[in-house]
Amino acid sequence: MMQPDLDTCVADWAIDFPRTVKVFDELQIDYCCGGKSLGYACRQKGLDPQVVLKRLQEVLDDDDCGG
């Protein structure tokens, strides 16, 4: 499985890691269309890409732990 990062397309995050969709919904980041990287999408919304990446990684870590 890929190791997602700020250069990963938002749609790929949503497809490969469906649990991240709730974060994208909360932050109003479009994950359905286009090929925007996570970093670019965050900057468009005025969000700190590193903070969003950390939040997404926490969701993935919770998933790995069965939570």
PDB file of N, CA and C in Angstrom:
ATOM      1  N   MET A   1       0.851  -1.188   0.000  1.00  0.00           N
ATOM      2  CA  MET A   1       0.000   0.000   0.000  1.00  0.00           C
ATOM      3  C   MET A   1       0.892   1.245   0.000  1.00  0.00           C
ATOM      4  N   MET A   2       0.446   2.250  -0.697  1.00  0.00           N
ATOM      5  CA  MET A   2       1.237   3.471  -0.813  1.00  0.00           C
ATOM      6  C   MET A   2       1.329   4.212   0.517  1.00  0.00           C
ATOM      7  N   GLN A   3       2.365   5.024   0.641  1.00  0.00           N
ATOM      8  CA  GLN A   3       2.528   5.909   1.791  1.00  0.00           C
ATOM      9  C   GLN A   3       2.102   7.299   1.342  1.00  0.00           C
ATOM     10  N   PRO A   4       0.872   7.723   1.672  1.00  0.00           N
ATOM     11  CA  PRO A   4       0.375   9.016   1.193  1.00  0.00           C
ATOM     12  C   PRO A   4       1.106  10.185   1.853  1.00  0.00           C
ATOM     13  N   ASP A   5       1.187  11.295   1.101  1.00  0.00           N
ATOM     14  CA  ASP A   5       1.829  12.499   1.619  1.00  0.00           C
ATOM     15  C   ASP A   5       1.169  13.727   0.994  1.00  0.00           C
ATOM     16  N   LEU A   6       1.789  14.872   1.141  1.00  0.00           N
ATOM     17  CA  LEU A   6       1.209  16.120   0.632  1.00  0.00           C
ATOM     18  C   LEU A   6       1.160  16.167  -0.896  1.00  0.00           C
ATOM     19  N   ASP A   7       1.970  15.358  -1.562  1.00  0.00           N
ATOM     20  CA  ASP A   7       1.972  15.326  -3.020  1.00  0.00           C
ATOM     21  C   ASP A   7       0.942  14.350  -3.580  1.00  0.00           C
ATOM     22  N   THR A   8       0.343  13.546  -2.714  1.00  0.00           N
ATOM     23  CA  THR A   8      -0.654  12.567  -3.141  1.00  0.00           C
ATOM     24  C   THR A   8      -1.947  13.290  -3.511  1.00  0.00           C
ATOM     25  N   CYS A   9      -2.537  12.891  -4.613  1.00  0.00           N
ATOM     26  CA  CYS A   9      -3.807  13.450  -5.070  1.00  0.00           C
ATOM     27  C   CYS A   9      -4.885  13.199  -4.009  1.00  0.00           C
ATOM     28  N   VAL A  10      -5.697  14.208  -3.735  1.00  0.00           N
ATOM     29  CA  VAL A  10      -6.754  14.089  -2.727  1.00  0.00           C
ATOM     30  C   VAL A  10      -7.700  12.934  -3.067  1.00  0.00           C
ATOM     31  N   ALA A  11      -8.022  12.770  -4.336  1.00  0.00           N
ATOM     32  CA  ALA A  11      -8.906  11.670  -4.736  1.00  0.00           C
ATOM     33  C   ALA A  11      -8.288  10.317  -4.404  1.00  0.00           C
ATOM     34  N   ASP A  12      -6.967  10.200  -4.556  1.00  0.00           N
ATOM     35  CA  ASP A  12      -6.292   8.940  -4.216  1.00  0.00           C
ATOM     36  C   ASP A  12      -6.370   8.659  -2.721  1.00  0.00           C
ATOM     37  N   TRP A  13      -6.235   9.708  -1.912  1.00  0.00           N
ATOM     38  CA  TRP A  13      -6.418   9.543  -0.464  1.00  0.00           C
ATOM     39  C   TRP A  13      -7.793   8.932  -0.204  1.00  0.00           C
ATOM     40  N   ALA A  14      -8.817   9.525  -0.807  1.00  0.00           N
ATOM     41  CA  ALA A  14     -10.199   9.096  -0.555  1.00  0.00           C
ATOM     42  C   ALA A  14     -10.443   7.665  -1.043  1.00  0.00           C
ATOM     43  N   ILE A  15      -9.877   7.319  -2.182  1.00  0.00           N
ATOM     44  CA  ILE A  15     -10.072   5.983  -2.739  1.00  0.00           C
ATOM     45  C   ILE A  15      -9.313   4.931  -1.928  1.00  0.00           C
ATOM     46  N   ASP A  16      -8.051   5.198  -1.653  1.00  0.00           N
ATOM     47  CA  ASP A  16      -7.207   4.215  -0.976  1.00  0.00           C
ATOM     48  C   ASP A  16      -7.443   4.156   0.533  1.00  0.00           C
ATOM     49  N   PHE A  17      -7.913   5.256   1.100  1.00  0.00           N
ATOM     50  CA  PHE A  17      -8.114   5.351   2.546  1.00  0.00           C
ATOM     51  C   PHE A  17      -9.464   6.001   2.833  1.00  0.00           C
ATOM     52  N   PRO A  18     -10.558   5.275   2.647  1.00  0.00           N
ATOM     53  CA  PRO A  18     -11.906   5.852   2.765  1.00  0.00           C
ATOM     54  C   PRO A  18     -12.184   6.543   4.100  1.00  0.00           C
ATOM     55  N   ARG A  19     -11.524   6.139   5.160  1.00  0.00           N
ATOM     56  CA  ARG A  19     -11.765   6.784   6.459  1.00  0.00           C
ATOM     57  C   ARG A  19     -11.319   8.242   6.484  1.00  0.00           C
ATOM     58  N   THR A  20     -10.474   8.644   5.538  1.00  0.00           N
ATOM     59  CA  THR A  20     -10.022  10.037   5.498  1.00  0.00           C
ATOM     60  C   THR A  20     -11.093  10.974   4.949  1.00  0.00           C
ATOM     61  N   VAL A  21     -12.111  10.417   4.300  1.00  0.00           N
ATOM     62  CA  VAL A  21     -13.162  11.241   3.698  1.00  0.00           C
ATOM     63  C   VAL A  21     -13.840  12.120   4.746  1.00  0.00           C
ATOM     64  N   LYS A  22     -14.013  11.622   5.958  1.00  0.00           N
ATOM     65  CA  LYS A  22     -14.660  12.427   6.998  1.00  0.00           C
ATOM     66  C   LYS A  22     -13.848  13.695   7.300  1.00  0.00           C
ATOM     67  N   VAL A  23     -12.536  13.604   7.235  1.00  0.00           N
ATOM     68  CA  VAL A  23     -11.689  14.787   7.455  1.00  0.00           C
ATOM     69  C   VAL A  23     -11.862  15.759   6.293  1.00  0.00           C
ATOM     70  N   PHE A  24     -11.846  15.234   5.079  1.00  0.00           N
ATOM     71  CA  PHE A  24     -12.034  16.112   3.918  1.00  0.00           C
ATOM     72  C   PHE A  24     -13.396  16.802   3.968  1.00  0.00           C
ATOM     73  N   ASP A  25     -14.418  16.074   4.380  1.00  0.00           N
ATOM     74  CA  ASP A  25     -15.747  16.674   4.506  1.00  0.00           C
ATOM     75  C   ASP A  25     -15.748  17.785   5.555  1.00  0.00           C
ATOM     76  N   GLU A  26     -15.160  17.523   6.702  1.00  0.00           N
ATOM     77  CA  GLU A  26     -15.115  18.522   7.780  1.00  0.00           C
ATOM     78  C   GLU A  26     -14.385  19.780   7.345  1.00  0.00           C
ATOM     79  N   LEU A  27     -13.318  19.604   6.562  1.00  0.00           N
ATOM     80  CA  LEU A  27     -12.502  20.747   6.137  1.00  0.00           C
ATOM     81  C   LEU A  27     -12.951  21.321   4.795  1.00  0.00           C
ATOM     82  N   GLN A  28     -13.996  20.733   4.223  1.00  0.00           N
ATOM     83  CA  GLN A  28     -14.547  21.158   2.932  1.00  0.00           C
ATOM     84  C   GLN A  28     -13.492  21.120   1.821  1.00  0.00           C
ATOM     85  N   ILE A  29     -12.706  20.034   1.826  1.00  0.00           N
ATOM     86  CA  ILE A  29     -11.731  19.792   0.773  1.00  0.00           C
ATOM     87  C   ILE A  29     -12.371  18.837  -0.226  1.00  0.00           C
ATOM     88  N   ASP A  30     -12.436  19.248  -1.492  1.00  0.00           N
ATOM     89  CA  ASP A  30     -13.052  18.442  -2.539  1.00  0.00           C
ATOM     90  C   ASP A  30     -12.147  17.263  -2.881  1.00  0.00           C
ATOM     91  N   TYR A  31     -12.664  16.055  -2.707  1.00  0.00           N
ATOM     92  CA  TYR A  31     -11.895  14.844  -3.001  1.00  0.00           C
ATOM     93  C   TYR A  31     -12.472  14.087  -4.194  1.00  0.00           C
ATOM     94  N   CYS A  32     -13.493  14.632  -4.815  1.00  0.00           N
ATOM     95  CA  CYS A  32     -14.181  13.916  -5.901  1.00  0.00           C
ATOM     96  C   CYS A  32     -13.580  14.194  -7.276  1.00  0.00           C
ATOM     97  N   CYS A  33     -13.201  15.394  -7.533  1.00  0.00           N
ATOM     98  CA  CYS A  33     -12.814  15.777  -8.890  1.00  0.00           C
ATOM     99  C   CYS A  33     -11.428  16.398  -8.912  1.00  0.00           C
ATOM    100  N   GLY A  34     -10.846  16.364 -10.078  1.00  0.00           N
ATOM    101  CA  GLY A  34      -9.554  16.996 -10.277  1.00  0.00           C
ATOM    102  C   GLY A  34      -8.427  16.153  -9.727  1.00  0.00           C
ATOM    103  N   GLY A  35      -7.222  16.562 -10.004  1.00  0.00           N
ATOM    104  CA  GLY A  35      -6.048  15.826  -9.565  1.00  0.00           C
ATOM    105  C   GLY A  35      -5.180  16.647  -8.643  1.00  0.00           C
ATOM    106  N   LYS A  36      -5.810  17.443  -7.800  1.00  0.00           N
ATOM    107  CA  LYS A  36      -5.058  18.326  -6.908  1.00  0.00           C
ATOM    108  C   LYS A  36      -4.356  17.518  -5.830  1.00  0.00           C
ATOM    109  N   SER A  37      -3.121  17.906  -5.553  1.00  0.00           N
ATOM    110  CA  SER A  37      -2.399  17.279  -4.455  1.00  0.00           C
ATOM    111  C   SER A  37      -2.997  17.762  -3.133  1.00  0.00           C
ATOM    112  N   LEU A  38      -2.776  17.011  -2.101  1.00  0.00           N
ATOM    113  CA  LEU A  38      -3.269  17.410  -0.781  1.00  0.00           C
ATOM    114  C   LEU A  38      -2.703  18.770  -0.381  1.00  0.00           C
ATOM    115  N   GLY A  39      -1.421  18.973  -0.604  1.00  0.00           N
ATOM    116  CA  GLY A  39      -0.800  20.246  -0.248  1.00  0.00           C
ATOM    117  C   GLY A  39      -1.441  21.419  -0.964  1.00  0.00           C
ATOM    118  N   TYR A  40      -1.687  21.271  -2.253  1.00  0.00           N
ATOM    119  CA  TYR A  40      -2.309  22.331  -3.049  1.00  0.00           C
ATOM    120  C   TYR A  40      -3.731  22.601  -2.574  1.00  0.00           C
ATOM    121  N   ALA A  41      -4.489  21.544  -2.355  1.00  0.00           N
ATOM    122  CA  ALA A  41      -5.875  21.697  -1.905  1.00  0.00           C
ATOM    123  C   ALA A  41      -5.942  22.411  -0.558  1.00  0.00           C
ATOM    124  N   CYS A  42      -5.015  22.104   0.331  1.00  0.00           N
ATOM    125  CA  CYS A  42      -4.982  22.770   1.637  1.00  0.00           C
ATOM    126  C   CYS A  42      -4.684  24.256   1.481  1.00  0.00           C
ATOM    127  N   ARG A  43      -3.690  24.562   0.673  1.00  0.00           N
ATOM    128  CA  ARG A  43      -3.335  25.977   0.475  1.00  0.00           C
ATOM    129  C   ARG A  43      -4.493  26.750  -0.145  1.00  0.00           C
ATOM    130  N   GLN A  44      -5.243  26.119  -1.051  1.00  0.00           N
ATOM    131  CA  GLN A  44      -6.410  26.774  -1.658  1.00  0.00           C
ATOM    132  C   GLN A  44      -7.452  27.129  -0.598  1.00  0.00           C
ATOM    133  N   LYS A  45      -7.565  26.312   0.432  1.00  0.00           N
ATOM    134  CA  LYS A  45      -8.554  26.530   1.503  1.00  0.00           C
ATOM    135  C   LYS A  45      -7.982  27.363   2.647  1.00  0.00           C
ATOM    136  N   GLY A  46      -6.712  27.751   2.553  1.00  0.00           N
ATOM    137  CA  GLY A  46      -6.090  28.525   3.621  1.00  0.00           C
ATOM    138  C   GLY A  46      -5.761  27.672   4.841  1.00  0.00           C
ATOM    139  N   LEU A  47      -5.570  26.367   4.622  1.00  0.00           N
ATOM    140  CA  LEU A  47      -5.264  25.444   5.706  1.00  0.00           C
ATOM    141  C   LEU A  47      -3.774  25.122   5.714  1.00  0.00           C
ATOM    142  N   ASP A  48      -3.236  24.869   6.884  1.00  0.00           N
ATOM    143  CA  ASP A  48      -1.839  24.470   7.015  1.00  0.00           C
ATOM    144  C   ASP A  48      -1.721  23.014   6.547  1.00  0.00           C
ATOM    145  N   PRO A  49      -1.020  22.764   5.454  1.00  0.00           N
ATOM    146  CA  PRO A  49      -0.927  21.396   4.932  1.00  0.00           C
ATOM    147  C   PRO A  49      -0.354  20.396   5.941  1.00  0.00           C
ATOM    148  N   GLN A  50       0.601  20.820   6.735  1.00  0.00           N
ATOM    149  CA  GLN A  50       1.206  19.903   7.711  1.00  0.00           C
ATOM    150  C   GLN A  50       0.208  19.501   8.795  1.00  0.00           C
ATOM    151  N   VAL A  51      -0.637  20.435   9.208  1.00  0.00           N
ATOM    152  CA  VAL A  51      -1.655  20.137  10.218  1.00  0.00           C
ATOM    153  C   VAL A  51      -2.681  19.153   9.660  1.00  0.00           C
ATOM    154  N   VAL A  52      -3.096  19.381   8.422  1.00  0.00           N
ATOM    155  CA  VAL A  52      -4.073  18.482   7.791  1.00  0.00           C
ATOM    156  C   VAL A  52      -3.456  17.099   7.598  1.00  0.00           C
ATOM    157  N   LEU A  53      -2.211  17.046   7.139  1.00  0.00           N
ATOM    158  CA  LEU A  53      -1.529  15.765   6.952  1.00  0.00           C
ATOM    159  C   LEU A  53      -1.456  14.996   8.267  1.00  0.00           C
ATOM    160  N   LYS A  54      -1.122  15.687   9.334  1.00  0.00           N
ATOM    161  CA  LYS A  54      -1.053  15.035  10.651  1.00  0.00           C
ATOM    162  C   LYS A  54      -2.422  14.474  11.044  1.00  0.00           C
ATOM    163  N   ARG A  55      -3.450  15.231  10.812  1.00  0.00           N
ATOM    164  CA  ARG A  55      -4.812  14.783  11.151  1.00  0.00           C
ATOM    165  C   ARG A  55      -5.200  13.538  10.347  1.00  0.00           C
ATOM    166  N   LEU A  56      -4.866  13.537   9.064  1.00  0.00           N
ATOM    167  CA  LEU A  56      -5.168  12.385   8.225  1.00  0.00           C
ATOM    168  C   LEU A  56      -4.375  11.154   8.680  1.00  0.00           C
ATOM    169  N   GLN A  57      -3.116  11.369   9.033  1.00  0.00           N
ATOM    170  CA  GLN A  57      -2.294  10.256   9.503  1.00  0.00           C
ATOM    171  C   GLN A  57      -2.828   9.693  10.816  1.00  0.00           C
ATOM    172  N   GLU A  58      -3.372  10.557  11.657  1.00  0.00           N
ATOM    173  CA  GLU A  58      -3.992  10.080  12.902  1.00  0.00           C
ATOM    174  C   GLU A  58      -5.192   9.192  12.603  1.00  0.00           C
ATOM    175  N   VAL A  59      -5.994   9.569  11.610  1.00  0.00           N
ATOM    176  CA  VAL A  59      -7.140   8.750  11.221  1.00  0.00           C
ATOM    177  C   VAL A  59      -6.650   7.383  10.733  1.00  0.00           C
ATOM    178  N   LEU A  60      -5.586   7.378   9.944  1.00  0.00           N
ATOM    179  CA  LEU A  60      -5.046   6.114   9.436  1.00  0.00           C
ATOM    180  C   LEU A  60      -4.461   5.278  10.567  1.00  0.00           C
ATOM    181  N   ASP A  61      -3.788   5.923  11.517  1.00  0.00           N
ATOM    182  CA  ASP A  61      -3.227   5.203  12.670  1.00  0.00           C
ATOM    183  C   ASP A  61      -4.337   4.583  13.509  1.00  0.00           C
ATOM    184  N   ASP A  62      -5.416   5.331  13.697  1.00  0.00           N
ATOM    185  CA  ASP A  62      -6.573   4.792  14.447  1.00  0.00           C
ATOM    186  C   ASP A  62      -7.125   3.565  13.731  1.00  0.00           C
ATOM    187  N   ASP A  63      -7.165   3.619  12.409  1.00  0.00           N
ATOM    188  CA  ASP A  63      -7.672   2.503  11.603  1.00  0.00           C
ATOM    189  C   ASP A  63      -6.769   1.273  11.774  1.00  0.00           C
ATOM    190  N   ASP A  64      -5.447   1.500  11.788  1.00  0.00           N
ATOM    191  CA  ASP A  64      -4.502   0.388  11.961  1.00  0.00           C
ATOM    192  C   ASP A  64      -4.646  -0.268  13.319  1.00  0.00           C
ATOM    193  N   CYS A  65      -5.074   0.515  14.308  1.00  0.00           N
ATOM    194  CA  CYS A  65      -5.228  -0.017  15.668  1.00  0.00           C
ATOM    195  C   CYS A  65      -6.612  -0.593  15.903  1.00  0.00           C
ATOM    196  N   GLY A  66      -7.430  -0.580  14.872  1.00  0.00           N
ATOM    197  CA  GLY A  66      -8.776  -1.114  15.006  1.00  0.00           C
ATOM    198  C   GLY A  66      -9.763  -0.137  15.593  1.00  0.00           C
ATOM    199  N   GLY A  67      -9.355   1.153  15.683  1.00  0.00           N
ATOM    200  CA  GLY A  67     -10.234   2.149  16.288  1.00  0.00           C
ATOM    201  C   GLY A  67     -10.843   2.965  15.286  1.00  0.00           C
TER     202      GLY A  67
END
